[in-house]
Protein backbone atom coordinates (compact mmCIF):
# COMPACT_ATOMS: atom_id res chain seq x y z
CA MET A 1 -0.16 -0.27 0.39
CA SER A 2 1.83 3.31 -0.79
CA ILE A 3 2.24 4.97 1.82
CA ASP A 4 2.00 9.12 0.17
CA LYS A 5 -1.98 9.21 -0.83
CA GLY A 6 -1.52 12.87 -2.21
CA MET A 7 -3.53 15.95 -1.27
CA PHE A 8 -6.75 14.80 -1.83
CA ASN A 9 -6.58 10.89 -1.32
CA PHE A 10 -7.64 10.24 -5.30
CA GLN A 11 -6.98 6.58 -5.12
CA GLY A 12 -8.61 6.05 -2.20
CA VAL A 13 -11.99 8.36 -3.04
CA MET A 14 -12.00 6.32 -6.39
CA ASN A 15 -11.19 2.92 -4.61
CA LYS A 16 -13.99 3.68 -2.27
CA PHE A 17 -16.17 4.94 -5.10
CA TYR A 18 -16.18 2.17 -7.58
CA GLY A 19 -16.55 -0.59 -4.65
CA TYR A 20 -19.65 1.54 -3.17
CA GLU A 21 -22.86 -1.11 -4.43
CA PRO A 22 -26.08 0.87 -3.75
CA GLY A 23 -28.91 -0.91 -2.03
CA LYS A 24 -32.43 -1.19 -3.80
CA ASP A 25 -33.83 0.92 -1.59
CA ASP A 26 -30.59 3.53 -2.53
CA SER A 27 -32.26 5.42 -5.32
CA GLU A 28 -30.19 8.44 -4.68
CA GLY A 29 -26.64 6.14 -4.66
CA ARG A 30 -27.31 4.36 -8.12
CA ALA A 31 -28.72 7.68 -9.66
CA ILE A 32 -24.88 8.87 -8.28
CA LYS A 33 -23.35 5.88 -10.14
CA ASN A 34 -25.58 5.78 -12.95
CA SER A 35 -25.05 9.28 -12.99
CA PHE A 36 -21.02 8.76 -13.60
CA MET A 37 -21.27 5.65 -15.61
CA ALA A 38 -23.53 7.97 -17.97
CA ASN A 39 -21.10 10.41 -17.91
CA MET A 40 -17.84 8.50 -18.70
CA VAL A 41 -19.06 7.53 -21.14
CA GLN A 42 -20.21 10.19 -22.81
CA SER A 43 -16.74 11.95 -21.71
CA GLY A 44 -14.79 8.66 -23.53
CA PHE A 45 -17.16 9.56 -26.19
CA ASP A 46 -16.45 12.38 -26.91
CA ALA A 47 -12.35 12.31 -26.61
CA GLN A 48 -12.74 9.87 -29.36
CA MET A 49 -14.39 11.70 -31.73
CA ALA A 50 -12.96 14.17 -30.71
CA LYS A 51 -9.57 12.43 -31.19
CA ASP A 52 -10.59 11.94 -34.78
CA MET A 53 -11.72 14.70 -35.49
CA ALA A 54 -8.71 16.88 -35.34
CA GLN A 55 -6.92 14.08 -36.91
CA GLN A 56 -9.19 14.62 -39.62
CA GLN A 57 -9.14 18.42 -39.36
CA SER A 58 -5.38 17.77 -39.32
CA GLY A 59 -5.26 15.86 -42.30
CA ILE A 60 -7.92 18.81 -44.43
CA ALA A 61 -5.55 21.00 -43.19
CA GLN A 62 -2.75 19.36 -44.82
CA SER A 63 -4.18 19.62 -47.65
CA ASN A 64 -5.36 22.88 -47.75
CA MET A 65 -2.33 24.07 -47.09
CA THR A 66 -0.40 21.78 -49.30
CA LEU A 67 -3.70 23.16 -52.20
CA ALA A 68 -2.68 27.28 -50.50
CA ALA A 69 1.09 26.78 -51.29
CA ASP A 70 0.74 24.93 -54.79
CA LEU A 71 -1.92 28.37 -55.50
CA GLU A 72 0.44 30.55 -54.39
CA ALA A 73 3.99 28.88 -56.15
CA ARG A 74 1.77 29.31 -59.33
CA ASN A 75 0.26 32.41 -59.20
CA THR A 76 3.98 33.92 -58.11
CA ALA A 77 5.61 32.32 -61.18
CA THR A 78 2.20 33.37 -64.04
CA ASN A 79 3.30 37.03 -62.23
CA MET A 80 6.92 36.91 -63.17
CA LYS A 81 6.33 35.73 -65.66
CA GLN A 82 3.66 38.41 -66.84
CA GLU A 83 6.21 41.02 -64.90
CA PHE A 84 8.88 39.97 -67.34
CA ASN A 85 6.94 40.10 -70.42
CA TYR A 86 5.94 43.62 -69.31
CA GLY A 87 10.02 44.68 -68.15
CA MET A 88 10.74 43.34 -71.86
CA GLN A 89 7.99 45.26 -74.01
CA SER A 90 9.15 48.16 -71.69
CA MET A 91 12.86 47.80 -72.51
CA GLY A 92 12.40 47.19 -76.22
CA ALA A 93 9.85 50.92 -76.08
CA GLN A 94 12.43 52.05 -74.38
CA TYR A 95 15.41 51.08 -77.07
CA GLU A 96 12.95 52.35 -80.39
CA TYR A 97 12.91 56.15 -78.65
CA GLN A 98 16.57 55.95 -77.64
CA ASN A 99 17.54 55.11 -81.08
CA LYS A 100 15.26 56.67 -83.07
CA PHE A 101 16.33 59.93 -80.11
CA ALA A 102 19.78 59.21 -81.44
CA ASN A 103 19.21 58.79 -84.51
CA ASN A 104 17.33 62.44 -84.98
CA GLN A 105 20.26 64.01 -82.95
CA TYR A 106 22.47 62.18 -85.11
CA ASN A 107 21.13 64.22 -88.17
CA ARG A 108 21.12 67.18 -85.64
CA ASP A 109 24.33 67.05 -85.09
CA LEU A 110 25.41 66.55 -88.73
CA GLY A 111 23.29 69.56 -90.57
CA THR A 112 25.32 72.01 -87.21
CA LEU A 113 28.00 70.41 -88.23
CA ALA A 114 28.00 71.94 -92.12
CA ALA A 115 26.85 75.16 -90.59
CA THR A 116 29.53 75.08 -88.36
CA GLY A 117 32.25 73.70 -91.24
CA GLU A 118 30.29 76.86 -93.60
CA GLU A 119 30.96 79.37 -91.13
CA ASN A 120 33.92 78.45 -90.14
CA ARG A 121 35.41 78.22 -93.75
CA LYS A 122 34.29 81.84 -94.16
CA SER A 123 35.29 83.06 -91.43
CA ILE A 124 39.38 81.63 -92.21
CA GLY A 125 38.94 82.70 -95.44
CA ALA A 126 38.38 85.99 -93.97
CA THR A 127 40.92 85.26 -91.87
CA GLY A 128 43.33 84.71 -94.02
CA ALA A 129 43.14 87.59 -96.28
CA GLN A 130 43.26 90.09 -93.62
CA ASP A 131 46.28 87.71 -91.49
CA ARG A 132 47.48 88.15 -95.93
CA LEU A 133 47.48 91.63 -95.54
CA THR A 134 48.92 92.85 -91.91
CA SER A 135 51.65 90.44 -92.96
CA VAL A 136 52.20 92.38 -96.00
CA VAL A 137 52.22 95.81 -93.79
CA GLN A 138 54.19 94.12 -91.45
CA GLY A 139 56.41 93.32 -94.11
CA GLU A 140 57.26 96.53 -95.33
CA GLN A 141 57.64 98.07 -91.82
CA GLN A 142 60.22 95.40 -90.87
CA ARG A 143 61.92 96.13 -94.51
CA LEU A 144 61.55 100.41 -93.47
CA ASN A 145 62.63 99.18 -90.07
CA THR A 146 65.79 96.86 -90.86
CA GLU A 147 66.83 99.72 -92.98
CA THR A 148 66.42 102.58 -91.31
CA ALA A 149 68.52 99.92 -88.16
CA GLY A 150 71.25 99.17 -90.55
CA THR A 151 71.76 102.80 -91.54
CA GLU A 152 72.02 104.03 -87.75
CA GLN A 153 74.13 100.92 -86.72
CA ARG A 154 76.78 101.62 -89.05
CA LYS A 155 76.76 105.01 -88.01
CA GLY A 156 77.06 104.07 -84.53
CA ILE A 157 79.38 101.48 -85.54
CA GLN A 158 81.74 103.92 -87.17
CA GLU A 159 81.15 105.95 -84.17
CA THR A 160 82.04 103.30 -81.69
CA GLY A 161 85.50 102.55 -84.29
CA SER A 162 87.05 105.91 -84.10
CA GLN A 163 86.64 106.36 -80.18
CA GLN A 164 87.55 102.71 -79.56
CA ARG A 165 90.79 104.04 -81.91
CA GLU A 166 91.49 107.12 -79.91
CA THR A 167 90.79 105.36 -77.03
CA ASP A 168 93.41 102.02 -77.82
CA SER A 169 95.97 105.10 -78.79
CA ASN A 170 95.36 107.13 -75.77
CA ARG A 171 95.62 103.91 -73.41
CA ILE A 172 98.54 102.49 -75.48
CA GLY A 173 100.92 105.26 -74.91
CA ALA A 174 100.00 105.69 -71.77
CA GLU A 175 100.63 101.61 -71.10
CA GLY A 176 103.71 101.91 -72.83
CA THR A 177 105.27 105.49 -70.67
CA GLU A 178 104.46 103.56 -67.78
CA GLU A 179 105.94 100.16 -68.08
CA ARG A 180 109.28 102.07 -69.46
CA LEU A 181 109.29 103.64 -66.13
CA ASN A 182 108.14 100.34 -64.09
CA ILE A 183 111.10 98.70 -65.67
CA GLY A 184 113.42 101.28 -64.99
CA ALA A 185 112.59 101.06 -61.40
CA ARG A 186 112.54 97.30 -61.38
CA GLY A 187 116.51 97.38 -62.86
CA GLU A 188 117.78 99.89 -60.08
CA GLU A 189 116.26 97.60 -57.59
CA ASP A 190 117.75 95.08 -58.95
CA ARG A 191 120.75 96.49 -58.59
CA LYS A 192 120.49 97.41 -55.18
CA GLY A 193 119.57 93.66 -54.64
CA PHE A 194 122.68 92.59 -55.91
CA VAL A 195 125.25 94.67 -54.94
CA THR A 196 123.91 93.85 -50.98
CA GLN A 197 123.19 90.44 -51.98
CA GLY A 198 127.50 90.45 -53.11
CA GLU A 199 128.08 92.43 -49.62
CA GLN A 200 126.63 89.70 -47.47
CA ALA A 201 128.15 87.07 -49.56
CA ARG A 202 131.75 88.50 -49.36
CA GLU A 203 130.71 89.05 -45.16
CA THR A 204 129.42 85.36 -44.72
CA LEU A 205 132.78 83.83 -46.80
CA GLY A 206 135.14 85.92 -44.10
CA TYR A 207 133.57 84.68 -41.67
CA GLN A 208 133.46 80.92 -42.97
CA ASP A 209 136.95 81.14 -43.13
CA LYS A 210 137.38 82.76 -39.86
CA LEU A 211 135.59 79.73 -38.59
CA ALA A 212 137.58 76.93 -40.44
CA ALA A 213 141.34 78.80 -39.67
CA SER A 214 140.27 78.81 -35.98
CA LYS A 215 138.93 74.85 -35.97
CA ALA A 216 142.44 73.85 -38.23
CA ASN A 217 144.39 76.10 -35.21
CA ARG A 218 141.94 73.64 -32.85
CA GLU A 219 142.87 70.72 -34.49
CA SER A 220 146.60 71.14 -34.70
CA ALA A 221 147.13 71.86 -31.49
CA ARG A 222 145.33 68.58 -30.04
CA SER A 223 147.50 66.96 -32.49
CA ARG A 224 150.77 68.50 -30.62
CA THR A 225 149.69 67.70 -27.24
CA MET A 226 148.36 64.26 -27.56
CA ALA A 227 151.94 63.98 -29.51
CA ARG A 228 153.89 64.57 -26.76
CA SER A 229 152.11 62.84 -24.58
CA PHE A 230 153.71 59.43 -26.08
């Protein structure tokens, strides 16, 4: 027998209820037992029906979801196909419009270039004529300026040559005089230097002779002293 009977002793209550046998005069007890039995049968039937219904409904729900997913996939594919077709048609139309615009723009550009080329050609022709006139005028002015500059330059060269010759002549004369004076002065200085150097050389030689004589006398005296010692 279990020691722990729970908070409500449910097992004991069930045993007592199931073991209860109402008497013939116990109409209330029989009613309770019959009601409980009927309720149990009803509850079991309801539970079984609910279980069967749940399985049936689950199957139906799964079938519905499968069908819904298939329909959604079909609808999505159809919509994507239609959108693709619409997009391709739109791109085709845009390409046609852009191509037509490009062709029209090309034609307009050709017309503009032609008109611009004609204007440029006229402008270049006018500019060339003006440039030729300007070149002729500039050439004539340059020639006149060159002749004038040449004449002035020749005059300047002649005057410069005369002045240079005169200047060179005066400078050469002055330099010759200065050079002669310098040569004379250097000769006098050199002569004085030679005289001084000769005197110094004679004095040096005399001093050297005195030193040599003194040395010879000392050596002679040393020799005599050494001879007497033997």
